[in-house]
All heavy atoms as atom14 arrays in JSON, in Angstrom:
{
  "sequence": "ADAALQPETRHRTLLLAVQAFIREHLNDPDLNPGCIAAAHYIS",
  "atom14_mask": [
    [1, 1, 1, 1, 1, 0, 0, 0, 0, 0, 0, 0, 0, 0],
    [1, 1, 1, 1, 1, 1, 1, 1, 0, 0, 0, 0, 0, 0],
    [1, 1, 1, 1, 1, 0, 0, 0, 0, 0, 0, 0, 0, 0],
    [1, 1, 1, 1, 1, 0, 0, 0, 0, 0, 0, 0, 0, 0],
    [1, 1, 1, 1, 1, 1, 1, 1, 0, 0, 0, 0, 0, 0],
    [1, 1, 1, 1, 1, 1, 1, 1, 1, 0, 0, 0, 0, 0],
    [1, 1, 1, 1, 1, 1, 1, 0, 0, 0, 0, 0, 0, 0],
    [1, 1, 1, 1, 1, 1, 1, 1, 1, 0, 0, 0, 0, 0],
    [1, 1, 1, 1, 1, 1, 1, 0, 0, 0, 0, 0, 0, 0],
    [1, 1, 1, 1, 1, 1, 1, 1, 1, 1, 1, 0, 0, 0],
    [1, 1, 1, 1, 1, 1, 1, 1, 1, 1, 0, 0, 0, 0],
    [1, 1, 1, 1, 1, 1, 1, 1, 1, 1, 1, 0, 0, 0],
    [1, 1, 1, 1, 1, 1, 1, 0, 0, 0, 0, 0, 0, 0],
    [1, 1, 1, 1, 1, 1, 1, 1, 0, 0, 0, 0, 0, 0],
    [1, 1, 1, 1, 1, 1, 1, 1, 0, 0, 0, 0, 0, 0],
    [1, 1, 1, 1, 1, 1, 1, 1, 0, 0, 0, 0, 0, 0],
    [1, 1, 1, 1, 1, 0, 0, 0, 0, 0, 0, 0, 0, 0],
    [1, 1, 1, 1, 1, 1, 1, 0, 0, 0, 0, 0, 0, 0],
    [1, 1, 1, 1, 1, 1, 1, 1, 1, 0, 0, 0, 0, 0],
    [1, 1, 1, 1, 1, 0, 0, 0, 0, 0, 0, 0, 0, 0],
    [1, 1, 1, 1, 1, 1, 1, 1, 1, 1, 1, 0, 0, 0],
    [1, 1, 1, 1, 1, 1, 1, 1, 0, 0, 0, 0, 0, 0],
    [1, 1, 1, 1, 1, 1, 1, 1, 1, 1, 1, 0, 0, 0],
    [1, 1, 1, 1, 1, 1, 1, 1, 1, 0, 0, 0, 0, 0],
    [1, 1, 1, 1, 1, 1, 1, 1, 1, 1, 0, 0, 0, 0],
    [1, 1, 1, 1, 1, 1, 1, 1, 0, 0, 0, 0, 0, 0],
    [1, 1, 1, 1, 1, 1, 1, 1, 0, 0, 0, 0, 0, 0],
    [1, 1, 1, 1, 1, 1, 1, 1, 0, 0, 0, 0, 0, 0],
    [1, 1, 1, 1, 1, 1, 1, 0, 0, 0, 0, 0, 0, 0],
    [1, 1, 1, 1, 1, 1, 1, 1, 0, 0, 0, 0, 0, 0],
    [1, 1, 1, 1, 1, 1, 1, 1, 0, 0, 0, 0, 0, 0],
    [1, 1, 1, 1, 1, 1, 1, 1, 0, 0, 0, 0, 0, 0],
    [1, 1, 1, 1, 1, 1, 1, 0, 0, 0, 0, 0, 0, 0],
    [1, 1, 1, 1, 0, 0, 0, 0, 0, 0, 0, 0, 0, 0],
    [1, 1, 1, 1, 1, 1, 0, 0, 0, 0, 0, 0, 0, 0],
    [1, 1, 1, 1, 1, 1, 1, 1, 0, 0, 0, 0, 0, 0],
    [1, 1, 1, 1, 1, 0, 0, 0, 0, 0, 0, 0, 0, 0],
    [1, 1, 1, 1, 1, 0, 0, 0, 0, 0, 0, 0, 0, 0],
    [1, 1, 1, 1, 1, 0, 0, 0, 0, 0, 0, 0, 0, 0],
    [1, 1, 1, 1, 1, 1, 1, 1, 1, 1, 0, 0, 0, 0],
    [1, 1, 1, 1, 1, 1, 1, 1, 1, 1, 1, 1, 0, 0],
    [1, 1, 1, 1, 1, 1, 1, 1, 0, 0, 0, 0, 0, 0],
    [1, 1, 1, 1, 1, 1, 0, 0, 0, 0, 0, 0, 0, 0]
  ],
  "atom14_positions": [
    [[12.42, 192.25, 15.97], [12.23, 192.25, 17.42], [11.66, 190.92, 17.9], [10.89, 190.85, 18.86], [11.28, 193.39, 17.82], [0.0, 0.0, 0.0], [0.0, 0.0, 0.0], [0.0, 0.0, 0.0], [0.0, 0.0, 0.0], [0.0, 0.0, 0.0], [0.0, 0.0, 0.0], [0.0, 0.0, 0.0], [0.0, 0.0, 0.0], [0.0, 0.0, 0.0]],
    [[12.06, 189.81, 17.24], [11.51, 188.5, 17.6], [11.79, 188.14, 19.05], [10.99, 187.43, 19.67], [12.09, 187.42, 16.67], [11.65, 187.6, 15.24], [10.56, 187.12, 14.89], [12.39, 188.24, 14.46], [0.0, 0.0, 0.0], [0.0, 0.0, 0.0], [0.0, 0.0, 0.0], [0.0, 0.0, 0.0], [0.0, 0.0, 0.0], [0.0, 0.0, 0.0]],
    [[12.9, 188.61, 19.58], [13.25, 188.27, 20.97], [12.24, 188.84, 21.96], [12.14, 188.36, 23.09], [14.65, 188.78, 21.3], [0.0, 0.0, 0.0], [0.0, 0.0, 0.0], [0.0, 0.0, 0.0], [0.0, 0.0, 0.0], [0.0, 0.0, 0.0], [0.0, 0.0, 0.0], [0.0, 0.0, 0.0], [0.0, 0.0, 0.0], [0.0, 0.0, 0.0]],
    [[11.5, 189.87, 21.54], [10.53, 190.5, 22.45], [9.17, 189.81, 22.42], [8.29, 190.17, 23.2], [10.36, 191.98, 22.08], [0.0, 0.0, 0.0], [0.0, 0.0, 0.0], [0.0, 0.0, 0.0], [0.0, 0.0, 0.0], [0.0, 0.0, 0.0], [0.0, 0.0, 0.0], [0.0, 0.0, 0.0], [0.0, 0.0, 0.0], [0.0, 0.0, 0.0]],
    [[9.0, 188.82, 21.55], [7.72, 188.13, 21.48], [7.45, 187.32, 22.74], [8.36, 186.72, 23.31], [7.7, 187.17, 20.28], [7.47, 187.76, 18.89], [7.65, 186.67, 17.84], [6.09, 188.38, 18.79], [0.0, 0.0, 0.0], [0.0, 0.0, 0.0], [0.0, 0.0, 0.0], [0.0, 0.0, 0.0], [0.0, 0.0, 0.0], [0.0, 0.0, 0.0]],
    [[6.2, 187.27, 23.15], [5.82, 186.41, 24.26], [5.93, 184.96, 23.81], [5.64, 184.63, 22.65], [4.38, 186.72, 24.7], [4.19, 188.12, 25.24], [2.74, 188.44, 25.53], [1.85, 187.63, 25.31], [2.51, 189.64, 26.04], [0.0, 0.0, 0.0], [0.0, 0.0, 0.0], [0.0, 0.0, 0.0], [0.0, 0.0, 0.0], [0.0, 0.0, 0.0]],
    [[6.35, 184.04, 24.7], [6.52, 182.64, 24.3], [5.27, 182.02, 23.68], [5.37, 181.26, 22.71], [6.88, 181.95, 25.63], [7.48, 183.03, 26.47], [6.74, 184.28, 26.1], [0.0, 0.0, 0.0], [0.0, 0.0, 0.0], [0.0, 0.0, 0.0], [0.0, 0.0, 0.0], [0.0, 0.0, 0.0], [0.0, 0.0, 0.0], [0.0, 0.0, 0.0]],
    [[4.09, 182.36, 24.2], [2.85, 181.8, 23.67], [2.63, 182.23, 22.22], [2.21, 181.44, 21.38], [1.65, 182.21, 24.53], [1.7, 181.7, 25.95], [2.54, 182.57, 26.88], [3.11, 183.59, 26.38], [2.64, 182.24, 28.06], [0.0, 0.0, 0.0], [0.0, 0.0, 0.0], [0.0, 0.0, 0.0], [0.0, 0.0, 0.0], [0.0, 0.0, 0.0]],
    [[2.92, 183.49, 21.94], [2.76, 184.0, 20.58], [3.74, 183.31, 19.64], [3.39, 182.91, 18.52], [2.98, 185.52, 20.54], [2.01, 186.15, 21.37], [2.88, 186.06, 19.13], [0.0, 0.0, 0.0], [0.0, 0.0, 0.0], [0.0, 0.0, 0.0], [0.0, 0.0, 0.0], [0.0, 0.0, 0.0], [0.0, 0.0, 0.0], [0.0, 0.0, 0.0]],
    [[4.98, 183.15, 20.08], [5.99, 182.5, 19.25], [5.58, 181.05, 18.95], [5.7, 180.58, 17.81], [7.35, 182.53, 19.97], [8.5, 182.05, 19.11], [9.83, 182.13, 19.84], [10.21, 183.49, 20.15], [10.22, 184.01, 21.38], [9.85, 183.27, 22.41], [10.59, 185.25, 21.59], [0.0, 0.0, 0.0], [0.0, 0.0, 0.0], [0.0, 0.0, 0.0]],
    [[5.06, 180.37, 19.97], [4.63, 178.97, 19.81], [3.49, 178.86, 18.8], [3.55, 178.06, 17.86], [4.19, 178.41, 21.17], [3.52, 177.08, 21.09], [4.21, 175.89, 21.21], [2.22, 176.74, 20.89], [3.36, 174.88, 21.08], [2.14, 175.37, 20.9], [0.0, 0.0, 0.0], [0.0, 0.0, 0.0], [0.0, 0.0, 0.0], [0.0, 0.0, 0.0]],
    [[2.45, 179.68, 18.99], [1.28, 179.56, 18.12], [1.6, 179.96, 16.68], [1.11, 179.35, 15.73], [0.14, 180.42, 18.67], [-0.51, 179.84, 19.92], [-1.8, 180.56, 20.26], [-1.56, 181.9, 20.73], [-1.47, 182.24, 22.01], [-1.58, 181.3, 22.95], [-1.27, 183.49, 22.38], [0.0, 0.0, 0.0], [0.0, 0.0, 0.0], [0.0, 0.0, 0.0]],
    [[2.45, 180.96, 16.51], [2.8, 181.4, 15.16], [3.64, 180.33, 14.45], [3.44, 180.06, 13.26], [3.57, 182.72, 15.21], [2.8, 183.69, 15.9], [3.87, 183.23, 13.81], [0.0, 0.0, 0.0], [0.0, 0.0, 0.0], [0.0, 0.0, 0.0], [0.0, 0.0, 0.0], [0.0, 0.0, 0.0], [0.0, 0.0, 0.0], [0.0, 0.0, 0.0]],
    [[4.56, 179.72, 15.16], [5.36, 178.65, 14.57], [4.47, 177.48, 14.17], [4.63, 176.92, 13.07], [6.44, 178.18, 15.56], [7.3, 177.0, 15.1], [8.03, 177.34, 13.8], [8.3, 176.62, 16.2], [0.0, 0.0, 0.0], [0.0, 0.0, 0.0], [0.0, 0.0, 0.0], [0.0, 0.0, 0.0], [0.0, 0.0, 0.0], [0.0, 0.0, 0.0]],
    [[3.53, 177.13, 15.02], [2.62, 176.03, 14.69], [1.82, 176.35, 13.43], [1.67, 175.5, 12.53], [1.67, 175.76, 15.86], [0.61, 174.67, 15.63], [1.27, 173.32, 15.39], [-0.34, 174.59, 16.83], [0.0, 0.0, 0.0], [0.0, 0.0, 0.0], [0.0, 0.0, 0.0], [0.0, 0.0, 0.0], [0.0, 0.0, 0.0], [0.0, 0.0, 0.0]],
    [[1.31, 177.57, 13.33], [0.54, 177.95, 12.14], [1.42, 177.93, 10.89], [0.96, 177.52, 9.82], [-0.06, 179.34, 12.34], [-1.22, 179.43, 13.34], [-1.52, 180.89, 13.66], [-2.46, 178.74, 12.78], [0.0, 0.0, 0.0], [0.0, 0.0, 0.0], [0.0, 0.0, 0.0], [0.0, 0.0, 0.0], [0.0, 0.0, 0.0], [0.0, 0.0, 0.0]],
    [[2.67, 178.36, 11.03], [3.58, 178.34, 9.88], [3.85, 176.91, 9.44], [3.89, 176.61, 8.23], [4.88, 179.05, 10.24], [0.0, 0.0, 0.0], [0.0, 0.0, 0.0], [0.0, 0.0, 0.0], [0.0, 0.0, 0.0], [0.0, 0.0, 0.0], [0.0, 0.0, 0.0], [0.0, 0.0, 0.0], [0.0, 0.0, 0.0], [0.0, 0.0, 0.0]],
    [[4.05, 176.02, 10.39], [4.3, 174.61, 10.07], [3.07, 174.0, 9.39], [3.19, 173.29, 8.38], [4.67, 173.83, 11.34], [4.64, 172.33, 11.07], [6.04, 174.24, 11.84], [0.0, 0.0, 0.0], [0.0, 0.0, 0.0], [0.0, 0.0, 0.0], [0.0, 0.0, 0.0], [0.0, 0.0, 0.0], [0.0, 0.0, 0.0], [0.0, 0.0, 0.0]],
    [[1.89, 174.28, 9.92], [0.67, 173.74, 9.34], [0.47, 174.25, 7.91], [0.05, 173.49, 7.02], [-0.53, 174.09, 10.21], [-0.54, 173.34, 11.55], [-1.65, 173.81, 12.46], [-2.17, 174.92, 12.33], [-2.03, 172.97, 13.42], [0.0, 0.0, 0.0], [0.0, 0.0, 0.0], [0.0, 0.0, 0.0], [0.0, 0.0, 0.0], [0.0, 0.0, 0.0]],
    [[0.76, 175.52, 7.69], [0.65, 176.08, 6.34], [1.65, 175.41, 5.39], [1.32, 175.11, 4.23], [0.87, 177.58, 6.37], [0.0, 0.0, 0.0], [0.0, 0.0, 0.0], [0.0, 0.0, 0.0], [0.0, 0.0, 0.0], [0.0, 0.0, 0.0], [0.0, 0.0, 0.0], [0.0, 0.0, 0.0], [0.0, 0.0, 0.0], [0.0, 0.0, 0.0]],
    [[2.86, 175.17, 5.86], [3.87, 174.49, 5.05], [3.39, 173.1, 4.66], [3.53, 172.67, 3.5], [5.18, 174.4, 5.84], [6.29, 173.66, 5.12], [7.13, 174.34, 4.26], [6.47, 172.3, 5.32], [8.15, 173.66, 3.59], [7.48, 171.62, 4.67], [8.33, 172.3, 3.8], [0.0, 0.0, 0.0], [0.0, 0.0, 0.0], [0.0, 0.0, 0.0]],
    [[2.81, 172.38, 5.62], [2.32, 171.03, 5.34], [1.22, 171.07, 4.27], [1.23, 170.28, 3.32], [1.8, 170.38, 6.63], [2.98, 170.04, 7.56], [0.98, 169.11, 6.32], [2.56, 169.57, 8.94], [0.0, 0.0, 0.0], [0.0, 0.0, 0.0], [0.0, 0.0, 0.0], [0.0, 0.0, 0.0], [0.0, 0.0, 0.0], [0.0, 0.0, 0.0]],
    [[0.3, 172.0, 4.4], [-0.79, 172.09, 3.41], [-0.26, 172.39, 2.01], [-0.82, 171.94, 1.02], [-1.79, 173.16, 3.85], [-2.58, 172.8, 5.1], [-3.69, 173.81, 5.37], [-4.39, 173.52, 6.6], [-4.15, 174.12, 7.76], [-3.22, 175.06, 7.83], [-4.82, 173.79, 8.84], [0.0, 0.0, 0.0], [0.0, 0.0, 0.0], [0.0, 0.0, 0.0]],
    [[0.8, 173.18, 1.95], [1.37, 173.54, 0.64], [2.14, 172.39, 0.0], [2.4, 172.41, -1.21], [2.3, 174.74, 0.79], [1.59, 176.04, 1.12], [2.55, 177.16, 1.49], [3.79, 176.92, 1.4], [2.09, 178.23, 1.87], [0.0, 0.0, 0.0], [0.0, 0.0, 0.0], [0.0, 0.0, 0.0], [0.0, 0.0, 0.0], [0.0, 0.0, 0.0]],
    [[2.51, 171.37, 0.79], [3.35, 170.28, 0.28], [2.68, 168.92, 0.41], [3.36, 167.89, 0.39], [4.7, 170.28, 1.01], [5.54, 171.49, 0.75], [5.36, 172.67, 1.45], [6.52, 171.72, -0.16], [6.23, 173.57, 1.01], [6.93, 173.03, 0.04], [0.0, 0.0, 0.0], [0.0, 0.0, 0.0], [0.0, 0.0, 0.0], [0.0, 0.0, 0.0]],
    [[1.36, 168.9, 0.5], [0.65, 167.63, 0.66], [0.87, 166.69, -0.51], [0.79, 165.46, -0.36], [-0.86, 167.89, 0.83], [-1.31, 168.53, 2.15], [-2.8, 168.8, 2.1], [-0.97, 167.62, 3.33], [0.0, 0.0, 0.0], [0.0, 0.0, 0.0], [0.0, 0.0, 0.0], [0.0, 0.0, 0.0], [0.0, 0.0, 0.0], [0.0, 0.0, 0.0]],
    [[1.12, 167.24, -1.7], [1.29, 166.39, -2.88], [2.64, 165.67, -2.91], [2.86, 164.81, -3.77], [1.12, 167.22, -4.16], [2.18, 168.3, -4.3], [2.77, 168.72, -3.3], [2.4, 168.76, -5.51], [0.0, 0.0, 0.0], [0.0, 0.0, 0.0], [0.0, 0.0, 0.0], [0.0, 0.0, 0.0], [0.0, 0.0, 0.0], [0.0, 0.0, 0.0]],
    [[3.51, 165.99, -1.98], [4.83, 165.36, -1.93], [4.75, 164.09, -1.07], [4.58, 164.18, 0.15], [5.84, 166.33, -1.33], [7.25, 165.74, -1.26], [7.43, 164.58, -1.67], [8.15, 166.45, -0.77], [0.0, 0.0, 0.0], [0.0, 0.0, 0.0], [0.0, 0.0, 0.0], [0.0, 0.0, 0.0], [0.0, 0.0, 0.0], [0.0, 0.0, 0.0]],
    [[4.87, 162.91, -1.66], [4.77, 161.68, -0.86], [5.9, 161.53, 0.16], [5.8, 160.74, 1.1], [4.81, 160.57, -1.92], [5.49, 161.19, -3.09], [5.1, 162.63, -3.08], [0.0, 0.0, 0.0], [0.0, 0.0, 0.0], [0.0, 0.0, 0.0], [0.0, 0.0, 0.0], [0.0, 0.0, 0.0], [0.0, 0.0, 0.0], [0.0, 0.0, 0.0]],
    [[6.97, 162.29, -0.03], [8.11, 162.21, 0.89], [8.02, 163.25, 2.02], [8.98, 163.4, 2.79], [9.42, 162.41, 0.12], [9.71, 161.27, -0.84], [9.43, 160.11, -0.46], [10.16, 161.53, -1.96], [0.0, 0.0, 0.0], [0.0, 0.0, 0.0], [0.0, 0.0, 0.0], [0.0, 0.0, 0.0], [0.0, 0.0, 0.0], [0.0, 0.0, 0.0]],
    [[6.91, 163.94, 2.12], [6.72, 164.89, 3.22], [6.78, 164.14, 4.55], [6.03, 163.19, 4.77], [5.36, 165.58, 3.07], [5.02, 166.68, 4.09], [5.93, 167.89, 3.91], [3.56, 167.1, 3.94], [0.0, 0.0, 0.0], [0.0, 0.0, 0.0], [0.0, 0.0, 0.0], [0.0, 0.0, 0.0], [0.0, 0.0, 0.0], [0.0, 0.0, 0.0]],
    [[7.68, 164.57, 5.44], [7.86, 163.85, 6.7], [8.38, 164.81, 7.76], [8.79, 165.95, 7.45], [8.83, 162.68, 6.51], [10.2, 163.14, 6.02], [10.91, 163.86, 6.72], [10.59, 162.73, 4.81], [0.0, 0.0, 0.0], [0.0, 0.0, 0.0], [0.0, 0.0, 0.0], [0.0, 0.0, 0.0], [0.0, 0.0, 0.0], [0.0, 0.0, 0.0]],
    [[8.37, 164.39, 9.03], [8.82, 165.29, 10.11], [10.22, 165.84, 9.91], [10.5, 167.0, 10.26], [8.74, 164.4, 11.35], [7.64, 163.43, 11.04], [7.81, 163.14, 9.57], [0.0, 0.0, 0.0], [0.0, 0.0, 0.0], [0.0, 0.0, 0.0], [0.0, 0.0, 0.0], [0.0, 0.0, 0.0], [0.0, 0.0, 0.0], [0.0, 0.0, 0.0]],
    [[11.12, 165.04, 9.33], [12.48, 165.52, 9.14], [12.57, 166.73, 8.22], [13.2, 167.74, 8.56], [0.0, 0.0, 0.0], [0.0, 0.0, 0.0], [0.0, 0.0, 0.0], [0.0, 0.0, 0.0], [0.0, 0.0, 0.0], [0.0, 0.0, 0.0], [0.0, 0.0, 0.0], [0.0, 0.0, 0.0], [0.0, 0.0, 0.0], [0.0, 0.0, 0.0]],
    [[11.91, 166.65, 7.06], [12.0, 167.78, 6.12], [11.19, 168.97, 6.61], [11.55, 170.12, 6.36], [11.55, 167.35, 4.73], [9.81, 166.97, 4.55], [0.0, 0.0, 0.0], [0.0, 0.0, 0.0], [0.0, 0.0, 0.0], [0.0, 0.0, 0.0], [0.0, 0.0, 0.0], [0.0, 0.0, 0.0], [0.0, 0.0, 0.0], [0.0, 0.0, 0.0]],
    [[10.1, 168.72, 7.34], [9.3, 169.82, 7.89], [10.11, 170.57, 8.95], [10.16, 171.8, 8.96], [7.99, 169.28, 8.5], [7.12, 168.67, 7.41], [7.24, 170.4, 9.21], [5.95, 167.86, 7.95], [0.0, 0.0, 0.0], [0.0, 0.0, 0.0], [0.0, 0.0, 0.0], [0.0, 0.0, 0.0], [0.0, 0.0, 0.0], [0.0, 0.0, 0.0]],
    [[10.76, 169.82, 9.84], [11.58, 170.45, 10.88], [12.72, 171.24, 10.27], [13.01, 172.38, 10.68], [12.1, 169.39, 11.84], [0.0, 0.0, 0.0], [0.0, 0.0, 0.0], [0.0, 0.0, 0.0], [0.0, 0.0, 0.0], [0.0, 0.0, 0.0], [0.0, 0.0, 0.0], [0.0, 0.0, 0.0], [0.0, 0.0, 0.0], [0.0, 0.0, 0.0]],
    [[13.37, 170.67, 9.25], [14.51, 171.34, 8.62], [14.07, 172.65, 7.95], [14.8, 173.65, 8.0], [15.15, 170.42, 7.59], [0.0, 0.0, 0.0], [0.0, 0.0, 0.0], [0.0, 0.0, 0.0], [0.0, 0.0, 0.0], [0.0, 0.0, 0.0], [0.0, 0.0, 0.0], [0.0, 0.0, 0.0], [0.0, 0.0, 0.0], [0.0, 0.0, 0.0]],
    [[12.88, 172.63, 7.34], [12.39, 173.84, 6.65], [12.12, 174.98, 7.63], [12.09, 176.15, 7.22], [11.12, 173.51, 5.87], [0.0, 0.0, 0.0], [0.0, 0.0, 0.0], [0.0, 0.0, 0.0], [0.0, 0.0, 0.0], [0.0, 0.0, 0.0], [0.0, 0.0, 0.0], [0.0, 0.0, 0.0], [0.0, 0.0, 0.0], [0.0, 0.0, 0.0]],
    [[11.92, 174.64, 8.91], [11.61, 175.68, 9.91], [12.73, 175.85, 10.93], [12.54, 176.52, 11.95], [10.28, 175.34, 10.6], [9.11, 175.42, 9.67], [8.75, 174.39, 8.86], [8.26, 176.45, 9.4], [7.7, 174.75, 8.12], [7.4, 175.99, 8.42], [0.0, 0.0, 0.0], [0.0, 0.0, 0.0], [0.0, 0.0, 0.0], [0.0, 0.0, 0.0]],
    [[13.88, 175.21, 10.66], [15.08, 175.37, 11.5], [14.8, 174.99, 12.95], [15.26, 175.67, 13.88], [15.61, 176.81, 11.4], [15.85, 177.25, 9.98], [14.92, 178.05, 9.32], [16.99, 176.84, 9.28], [15.13, 178.44, 8.0], [17.21, 177.21, 7.97], [16.27, 178.01, 7.33], [16.47, 178.39, 6.02], [0.0, 0.0, 0.0], [0.0, 0.0, 0.0]],
    [[14.06, 173.91, 13.12], [13.82, 173.39, 14.47], [14.14, 171.9, 14.47], [14.26, 171.27, 13.42], [12.35, 173.61, 14.93], [11.38, 172.92, 13.95], [12.05, 175.09, 15.05], [9.91, 173.0, 14.38], [0.0, 0.0, 0.0], [0.0, 0.0, 0.0], [0.0, 0.0, 0.0], [0.0, 0.0, 0.0], [0.0, 0.0, 0.0], [0.0, 0.0, 0.0]],
    [[14.27, 171.32, 15.67], [14.55, 169.89, 15.77], [13.26, 169.09, 15.59], [12.15, 169.61, 15.72], [15.15, 169.57, 17.14], [14.18, 169.81, 18.16], [0.0, 0.0, 0.0], [0.0, 0.0, 0.0], [0.0, 0.0, 0.0], [0.0, 0.0, 0.0], [0.0, 0.0, 0.0], [0.0, 0.0, 0.0], [0.0, 0.0, 0.0], [0.0, 0.0, 0.0]]
  ]
}
């Protein structure tokens, strides 16, 4: 039921997911906006 989520909730949850992904991949020197965006299917 993702379509029923309020925009603010969707925004904050996506941000938290991205931040968690970054923390899990800090040891990768090639971590960059391109691979982070691709991993979350956003531009």
